[in-house]
Amino acid sequence: MSSNDCAIEVSNLTKHYGPILAVDHIGFEVKKGELFGFLGPNGAGKTTTIRMLTGVIKKDEGEAQVMGYPAGSLPAKQLSGVVPELANAYMDLSGWGNLMLMAELYRTPVSEAKKRAMALLEQLGLHERKDSKVMTYSMGMRKRLILAMALLNDPEILFLDEPTSGLDVQSARSIRAMLRNLRKEGKTILLTTHNMDEAAELSDRLAIINHGKLVALDAPDNLRITAGRVYLIDVAFDKPVSNETLLKIPGVNRVEQAQAIEAAESMRMQAAMMPTRPGMGGGVGGPGGIRRPGPGGGGAPSGIEPQAGAPEAGSAEKDESNRVRLYTEDTTKLITSLVDFSRANSLQMKILNVRSPSLEDAFVRLTEEAKHD
């Protein structure tokens, strides 16, 4: 990639906080017009990197360029819009007052500023409350106002630090829709988020940082396929089968019971509906899992163990109560093994669903691997 094609160029970027190495000699490039996702666990170095790129803090080592200018320089700042994780609007001013203040800071002509401000307030659903003080705004309204303030000077590049964190579903959707439109207009966006679905949906490429080091950089689908590796197969037999027996089936790495599956899915649903930051659980070490006790022999195992009080065969409730989730790195091998197992034990499979690795699976695996390196 030539320098003319780059919106951000980072080389050997480093930041210490006393004895803590917060950002450890990282390097990456962001293309002009790209929506670049920047992911990592809490404390991984995401926000510190953005603060260095936007000039809030100074780097200790390395080089960083933003739109061809040194990161943090006045020309770079004039071409940038920033949405920090914590809202920084003036609470005693109205939404309109905050926007006009931004116009003064960027020396935007008054007539042009008013026109842009009105359009942004309409787009973000804030027009009716433009004259209300920000202290009366909800968190979602404040986040949308901060985005409007960042866009008022029509920046060429946006730095967004968890812009949908803590928002209700409607506010988060509104901001994601705005980001999609900005990408279509050719704006460059660097986005940090803990929402894996959001990252996969919006980003052209993703970088994952952990303990200050970059551990992956690729398109979301490539990361999901190459780093996820573990596939999930949901299966239900017409009779109960013990976890110990399932773990002996060739290709099975781990087993989860229906209760653990339902709990995880319930938590995921609640995270989507509640105005709180989504968790990053799941992956190969999630709750309720039982790991395979080491290499075992081949062949289809036996050991069907009826459970007292089990529902009658053939009912929908029975199918769900017998449902288990199997983790494997070889779907072909496991499906073949399941067919052989069913025949050997006179069982019928009532449910058989295969799920490809998700970006969340890849994220957990990559950050766990980096932790142990």
Protein backbone atom coordinates (compact mmCIF):
# COMPACT_ATOMS: atom_id res chain seq x y z
CA MET A 1 0.00 0.00 0.00
CA SER A 2 1.47 3.38 -1.00
CA SER A 3 1.54 6.30 1.43
CA ASN A 4 -1.00 8.14 -0.74
CA ASP A 5 -3.51 5.33 -0.13
CA CYS A 6 -3.05 5.37 3.66
CA ALA A 7 -5.17 7.32 6.12
CA ILE A 8 -3.21 5.97 9.10
CA GLU A 9 0.35 4.64 9.14
CA VAL A 10 1.70 3.23 12.41
CA SER A 11 5.18 1.81 12.93
CA ASN A 12 6.75 0.57 16.18
CA LEU A 13 4.25 2.62 18.24
CA THR A 14 4.96 2.26 21.96
CA LYS A 15 3.62 3.66 25.22
CA HIS A 16 4.69 3.00 28.83
CA TYR A 17 2.82 3.92 31.98
CA GLY A 18 5.59 3.55 34.52
CA PRO A 19 6.57 -0.14 34.53
CA ILE A 20 3.51 -1.08 32.46
CA LEU A 21 4.01 -1.50 28.70
CA ALA A 22 0.54 -0.45 27.52
CA VAL A 23 1.27 -0.48 23.77
CA ASP A 24 4.12 -2.70 22.66
CA HIS A 25 5.80 -1.66 19.38
CA ILE A 26 2.73 -2.14 17.17
CA GLY A 27 2.44 -1.41 13.47
CA PHE A 28 -0.48 -1.29 11.02
CA GLU A 29 -1.95 0.72 8.16
CA VAL A 30 -5.51 1.88 7.50
CA LYS A 31 -6.59 2.57 3.92
CA LYS A 32 -8.41 5.74 2.96
CA GLY A 33 -12.17 5.06 2.94
CA GLU A 34 -11.80 1.96 5.12
CA LEU A 35 -13.77 1.14 8.26
CA PHE A 36 -11.08 -0.42 10.42
CA GLY A 37 -12.11 -2.31 13.55
CA PHE A 38 -9.74 -2.28 16.51
CA LEU A 39 -10.61 -4.98 19.04
CA GLY A 40 -9.18 -6.18 22.32
CA PRO A 41 -10.06 -7.06 25.92
CA ASN A 42 -10.29 -4.33 28.54
CA GLY A 43 -6.85 -2.91 29.19
CA ALA A 44 -5.40 -4.32 25.97
CA GLY A 45 -4.20 -0.93 24.65
CA LYS A 46 -7.02 0.15 22.33
CA THR A 47 -7.85 3.47 23.93
CA THR A 48 -4.18 4.29 24.56
CA THR A 49 -3.50 3.77 20.84
CA ILE A 50 -6.36 6.07 19.85
CA ARG A 51 -5.16 8.72 22.30
CA MET A 52 -1.71 8.65 20.72
CA LEU A 53 -3.16 8.85 17.21
CA THR A 54 -5.37 11.82 18.13
CA GLY A 55 -2.68 13.67 20.07
CA VAL A 56 -4.24 13.37 23.54
CA ILE A 57 -1.09 11.68 24.86
CA LYS A 58 2.45 11.47 23.51
CA LYS A 59 4.03 8.29 22.23
CA ASP A 60 7.25 7.00 23.80
CA GLU A 61 8.60 5.36 20.65
CA GLY A 62 7.69 4.77 17.03
CA GLU A 63 6.01 6.76 14.29
CA ALA A 64 2.36 7.50 13.49
CA GLN A 65 0.91 9.43 10.56
CA VAL A 66 -2.70 10.52 10.14
CA MET A 67 -3.76 11.65 6.66
CA GLY A 68 -0.09 12.21 5.83
CA TYR A 69 0.67 14.37 8.89
CA PRO A 70 2.30 13.46 12.21
CA ALA A 71 -0.33 12.11 14.60
CA GLY A 72 -1.40 14.82 17.05
CA SER A 73 -0.21 17.70 14.85
CA LEU A 74 -2.59 20.57 14.12
CA PRO A 75 -3.15 19.58 10.44
CA ALA A 76 -3.96 16.00 11.51
CA LYS A 77 -6.40 17.22 14.18
CA GLN A 78 -8.13 19.55 11.70
CA LEU A 79 -8.86 16.58 9.44
CA SER A 80 -10.07 14.32 12.28
CA GLY A 81 -13.25 13.81 14.26
CA VAL A 82 -13.08 12.04 17.62
CA VAL A 83 -15.78 10.25 19.63
CA PRO A 84 -14.27 9.24 23.00
CA GLU A 85 -15.72 6.41 25.09
CA LEU A 86 -16.90 8.86 27.74
CA ALA A 87 -19.13 11.70 26.55
CA ASN A 88 -17.41 15.09 26.74
CA ALA A 89 -20.22 17.52 25.83
CA TYR A 90 -20.81 20.55 28.06
CA MET A 91 -23.76 19.63 30.28
CA ASP A 92 -24.87 23.23 30.93
CA LEU A 93 -25.10 23.98 27.21
CA SER A 94 -27.85 22.86 24.89
CA GLY A 95 -27.17 20.38 22.12
CA TRP A 96 -27.22 23.28 19.68
CA GLY A 97 -24.86 25.29 21.89
CA ASN A 98 -22.35 22.43 21.94
CA LEU A 99 -22.42 22.19 18.15
CA MET A 100 -21.91 25.93 17.70
CA LEU A 101 -19.00 25.80 20.16
CA MET A 102 -17.38 23.09 18.02
CA ALA A 103 -17.91 25.29 14.96
CA GLU A 104 -16.01 28.12 16.67
CA LEU A 105 -13.16 25.82 17.67
CA TYR A 106 -12.77 24.58 14.09
CA ARG A 107 -13.39 28.08 12.66
CA THR A 108 -16.25 26.79 10.54
CA PRO A 109 -18.22 29.65 8.93
CA VAL A 110 -21.44 30.28 10.87
CA SER A 111 -23.84 29.74 7.97
CA GLU A 112 -22.12 26.47 7.00
CA ALA A 113 -22.01 25.31 10.63
CA LYS A 114 -25.73 25.95 11.13
CA LYS A 115 -26.59 24.05 7.97
CA ARG A 116 -24.46 21.05 8.94
CA ALA A 117 -25.71 21.11 12.52
CA MET A 118 -29.37 21.04 11.45
CA ALA A 119 -28.72 18.15 9.04
CA LEU A 120 -26.83 16.13 11.67
CA LEU A 121 -29.47 16.69 14.34
CA GLU A 122 -32.15 15.50 11.92
CA GLN A 123 -30.14 12.43 10.92
CA LEU A 124 -29.45 11.45 14.52
CA GLY A 125 -32.96 12.10 15.83
CA LEU A 126 -32.01 15.03 18.09
CA HIS A 127 -33.67 17.96 16.33
CA GLU A 128 -36.64 18.19 18.71
CA ARG A 129 -34.29 18.39 21.72
CA LYS A 130 -31.65 20.65 20.20
CA ASP A 131 -32.46 23.52 22.60
CA SER A 132 -32.53 21.34 25.75
CA LYS A 133 -29.53 21.29 28.05
CA VAL A 134 -27.35 18.22 27.62
CA MET A 135 -27.76 17.37 31.31
CA THR A 136 -31.36 16.42 30.46
CA TYR A 137 -30.28 14.03 27.67
CA SER A 138 -30.23 10.26 28.04
CA MET A 139 -26.94 8.43 27.54
CA GLY A 140 -27.98 7.46 24.03
CA MET A 141 -28.81 11.06 23.15
CA ARG A 142 -25.45 12.24 24.50
CA LYS A 143 -23.60 9.64 22.43
CA ARG A 144 -25.46 10.76 19.31
CA LEU A 145 -24.69 14.39 20.10
CA ILE A 146 -20.98 13.60 20.50
CA LEU A 147 -21.04 11.92 17.08
CA ALA A 148 -22.71 15.03 15.61
CA MET A 149 -20.03 17.22 17.23
CA ALA A 150 -17.28 15.03 15.75
CA LEU A 151 -18.84 15.31 12.28
CA LEU A 152 -19.54 19.05 12.31
CA ASN A 153 -16.23 20.00 10.68
CA ASP A 154 -16.77 17.35 7.95
CA PRO A 155 -13.62 15.38 8.91
CA GLU A 156 -11.84 13.05 6.53
CA ILE A 157 -11.18 10.51 9.30
CA LEU A 158 -13.13 9.49 12.42
CA PHE A 159 -11.78 7.89 15.60
CA LEU A 160 -14.63 6.18 17.47
CA ASP A 161 -13.91 4.64 20.88
CA GLU A 162 -16.81 2.28 21.69
CA PRO A 163 -19.52 4.61 20.31
CA THR A 164 -22.39 2.20 21.07
CA SER A 165 -21.20 1.06 24.52
CA GLY A 166 -23.99 1.18 27.10
CA LEU A 167 -26.69 2.16 24.60
CA ASP A 168 -30.18 0.76 24.12
CA VAL A 169 -30.90 -1.16 20.92
CA GLN A 170 -32.50 1.75 19.04
CA SER A 171 -29.69 4.21 19.81
CA ALA A 172 -27.03 1.65 18.86
CA ARG A 173 -28.82 0.92 15.58
CA SER A 174 -29.04 4.63 14.81
CA ILE A 175 -25.30 5.08 15.25
CA ARG A 176 -24.46 1.95 13.22
CA ALA A 177 -26.68 3.20 10.38
CA MET A 178 -24.83 6.52 10.44
CA LEU A 179 -21.46 4.73 10.29
CA ARG A 180 -22.57 2.68 7.28
CA ASN A 181 -23.58 5.89 5.50
CA LEU A 182 -20.29 7.58 6.36
CA ARG A 183 -18.37 4.65 4.92
CA LYS A 184 -20.39 4.91 1.70
CA GLU A 185 -19.42 8.59 1.55
CA GLY A 186 -15.75 7.59 1.63
CA LYS A 187 -14.92 8.59 5.21
CA THR A 188 -12.13 6.66 6.95
CA ILE A 189 -13.21 5.26 10.33
CA LEU A 190 -11.19 3.63 13.11
CA LEU A 191 -13.66 1.90 15.43
CA THR A 192 -13.11 0.20 18.77
CA THR A 193 -15.89 -1.97 20.16
CA HIS A 194 -16.57 -4.92 22.44
CA ASN A 195 -19.55 -5.93 20.30
CA MET A 196 -18.33 -8.75 18.06
CA ASP A 197 -21.45 -8.72 15.87
CA GLU A 198 -21.05 -4.98 15.35
CA ALA A 199 -17.38 -5.38 14.45
CA ALA A 200 -18.09 -8.19 11.97
CA GLU A 201 -20.96 -6.28 10.35
CA LEU A 202 -19.27 -2.90 9.95
CA SER A 203 -15.53 -3.49 9.52
CA ASP A 204 -13.63 -3.99 6.28
CA ARG A 205 -10.66 -5.26 8.30
CA LEU A 206 -10.02 -5.95 11.96
CA ALA A 207 -6.96 -5.75 14.17
CA ILE A 208 -6.93 -7.52 17.54
CA ILE A 209 -4.67 -6.21 20.28
CA ASN A 210 -3.91 -8.05 23.52
CA HIS A 211 -1.51 -7.02 26.29
CA GLY A 212 -0.31 -4.20 24.04
CA LYS A 213 0.62 -6.44 21.10
CA LEU A 214 -1.19 -6.96 17.80
CA VAL A 215 -2.16 -10.64 17.59
CA ALA A 216 -4.17 -10.60 14.34
CA LEU A 217 -5.10 -8.37 11.41
CA ASP A 218 -7.39 -9.47 8.58
CA ALA A 219 -10.90 -9.26 7.15
CA PRO A 220 -13.59 -10.44 9.61
CA ASP A 221 -14.50 -13.54 7.60
CA ASN A 222 -10.85 -14.55 7.25
CA LEU A 223 -10.26 -14.16 10.99
CA ARG A 224 -13.41 -16.13 11.76
CA ILE A 225 -12.44 -19.03 9.52
CA THR A 226 -8.70 -19.22 10.06
CA ALA A 227 -8.56 -18.35 13.76
CA GLY A 228 -11.91 -19.73 14.95
CA ARG A 229 -11.19 -23.28 13.82
CA VAL A 230 -13.55 -24.81 16.36
CA TYR A 231 -16.99 -25.71 14.96
CA LEU A 232 -20.12 -26.25 17.02
CA ILE A 233 -22.57 -29.08 16.35
CA ASP A 234 -25.91 -29.17 18.17
CA VAL A 235 -27.31 -32.70 18.34
CA ALA A 236 -30.19 -34.41 20.14
CA PHE A 237 -30.80 -38.15 20.25
CA ASP A 238 -34.09 -39.86 20.98
CA LYS A 239 -32.56 -41.25 24.21
CA PRO A 240 -30.29 -39.60 26.79
CA VAL A 241 -26.55 -40.09 26.34
CA SER A 242 -24.02 -39.25 29.06
CA ASN A 243 -21.34 -36.61 28.56
CA GLU A 244 -18.66 -39.17 29.30
CA THR A 245 -19.93 -41.34 26.45
CA LEU A 246 -20.14 -38.41 24.04
CA LEU A 247 -16.57 -37.38 24.82
CA LYS A 248 -15.38 -40.78 23.59
CA ILE A 249 -16.81 -40.22 20.12
CA PRO A 250 -13.95 -39.53 17.65
CA GLY A 251 -13.76 -35.81 16.83
CA VAL A 252 -15.44 -34.50 19.99
CA ASN A 253 -13.29 -31.97 21.90
CA ARG A 254 -15.86 -30.74 24.38
CA VAL A 255 -19.54 -31.16 25.34
CA GLU A 256 -22.13 -28.69 26.65
CA GLN A 257 -25.53 -29.69 28.00
CA ALA A 258 -28.79 -28.06 26.92
CA GLN A 259 -29.01 -26.09 30.16
CA ALA A 260 -25.63 -24.45 29.52
CA ILE A 261 -26.59 -23.70 25.90
CA GLU A 262 -29.87 -22.09 26.98
CA ALA A 263 -28.12 -20.06 29.69
CA ALA A 264 -25.53 -18.76 27.21
CA GLU A 265 -28.20 -17.90 24.63
CA SER A 266 -30.31 -16.18 27.29
CA MET A 267 -27.32 -14.09 28.38
CA ARG A 268 -26.60 -13.16 24.76
CA MET A 269 -30.23 -12.06 24.29
CA GLN A 270 -30.18 -10.01 27.48
CA ALA A 271 -26.93 -8.35 26.39
CA ALA A 272 -28.56 -7.36 23.11
CA MET A 273 -31.64 -5.93 24.81
CA MET A 274 -30.14 -4.25 27.88
CA PRO A 275 -28.20 -0.96 27.76
CA THR A 276 -25.00 -2.53 29.06
CA ARG A 277 -21.74 -3.48 27.44
CA PRO A 278 -21.97 -6.99 25.93
CA GLY A 279 -19.70 -9.60 27.47
CA MET A 280 -17.13 -11.52 25.57
CA GLY A 281 -17.84 -14.97 26.94
CA GLY A 282 -18.21 -18.06 24.85
CA GLY A 283 -15.54 -19.70 22.75
CA VAL A 284 -13.78 -22.89 23.64
CA GLY A 285 -13.70 -22.25 27.37
CA GLY A 286 -17.28 -21.13 28.04
CA PRO A 287 -19.49 -22.12 30.95
CA GLY A 288 -20.88 -25.58 31.34
CA GLY A 289 -18.23 -27.18 29.17
CA ILE A 290 -16.60 -30.55 29.85
CA ARG A 291 -13.24 -31.09 28.25
CA ARG A 292 -12.18 -34.31 26.62
CA PRO A 293 -10.01 -36.25 29.09
CA GLY A 294 -7.14 -36.81 26.64
CA PRO A 295 -6.61 -38.95 23.55
CA GLY A 296 -8.92 -41.93 23.34
CA GLY A 297 -9.30 -44.97 21.17
CA GLY A 298 -11.23 -45.06 17.93
CA GLY A 299 -14.51 -46.72 17.23
CA ALA A 300 -18.03 -45.79 18.22
CA PRO A 301 -18.42 -45.97 21.99
CA SER A 302 -21.36 -47.45 23.81
CA GLY A 303 -22.77 -46.45 27.17
CA ILE A 304 -26.30 -45.17 26.81
CA GLU A 305 -27.49 -44.15 30.25
CA PRO A 306 -31.27 -43.64 30.64
CA GLN A 307 -32.07 -40.95 33.19
CA ALA A 308 -34.80 -41.27 35.78
CA GLY A 309 -37.87 -39.19 35.01
CA ALA A 310 -36.93 -38.59 31.38
CA PRO A 311 -39.84 -37.50 29.12
CA GLU A 312 -41.38 -39.92 26.70
CA ALA A 313 -39.51 -40.41 23.43
CA GLY A 314 -40.78 -38.45 20.45
CA SER A 315 -41.86 -35.29 22.30
CA ALA A 316 -40.43 -31.89 21.46
CA GLU A 317 -39.52 -31.42 25.12
CA LYS A 318 -37.53 -34.66 25.03
CA ASP A 319 -35.60 -33.55 21.97
CA GLU A 320 -34.64 -30.27 23.67
CA SER A 321 -33.76 -31.89 27.00
CA ASN A 322 -31.43 -34.30 25.19
CA ARG A 323 -29.82 -31.55 23.13
CA VAL A 324 -26.08 -31.16 23.54
CA ARG A 325 -23.47 -28.99 21.86
CA LEU A 326 -20.33 -30.69 20.61
CA TYR A 327 -17.14 -28.77 19.85
CA THR A 328 -14.89 -30.09 17.08
CA GLU A 329 -12.14 -29.03 14.70
CA ASP A 330 -13.21 -31.59 12.07
CA THR A 331 -16.91 -31.51 11.22
CA THR A 332 -16.70 -34.26 8.59
CA LYS A 333 -15.06 -36.67 11.00
CA LEU A 334 -17.51 -35.90 13.79
CA ILE A 335 -20.66 -36.17 11.68
CA THR A 336 -19.46 -39.53 10.34
CA SER A 337 -18.73 -40.63 13.91
CA LEU A 338 -22.19 -39.52 15.06
CA VAL A 339 -23.84 -41.58 12.33
CA ASP A 340 -21.77 -44.62 13.29
CA PHE A 341 -22.53 -44.03 16.98
CA SER A 342 -26.27 -43.79 16.31
CA ARG A 343 -26.31 -47.03 14.32
CA ALA A 344 -24.23 -48.91 16.88
CA ASN A 345 -26.52 -47.87 19.73
CA SER A 346 -29.92 -47.95 17.91
CA LEU A 347 -30.38 -44.19 18.30
CA GLN A 348 -32.05 -41.59 16.13
CA MET A 349 -30.74 -38.05 15.77
CA LYS A 350 -33.67 -35.65 16.20
CA ILE A 351 -31.57 -32.48 15.87
CA LEU A 352 -28.32 -31.96 13.94
CA ASN A 353 -27.16 -28.38 13.36
CA VAL A 354 -23.65 -27.26 12.39
CA ARG A 355 -22.48 -23.72 13.19
CA SER A 356 -19.34 -22.20 11.71
CA PRO A 357 -16.91 -20.38 14.02
CA SER A 358 -18.04 -16.86 14.89
CA LEU A 359 -15.84 -13.79 15.17
CA GLU A 360 -16.34 -14.07 18.93
CA ASP A 361 -14.93 -17.63 18.83
CA ALA A 362 -11.91 -16.36 16.90
CA PHE A 363 -11.45 -13.41 19.26
CA VAL A 364 -11.51 -15.58 22.37
CA ARG A 365 -9.13 -18.10 20.86
CA LEU A 366 -6.63 -15.48 19.68
CA THR A 367 -6.60 -13.58 22.97
CA GLU A 368 -6.37 -16.80 25.00
CA GLU A 369 -3.47 -18.03 22.86
CA ALA A 370 -1.68 -14.70 23.24
CA LYS A 371 -2.15 -14.88 27.01
CA HIS A 372 -0.30 -18.21 27.15
CA ASP A 373 2.50 -17.32 24.69
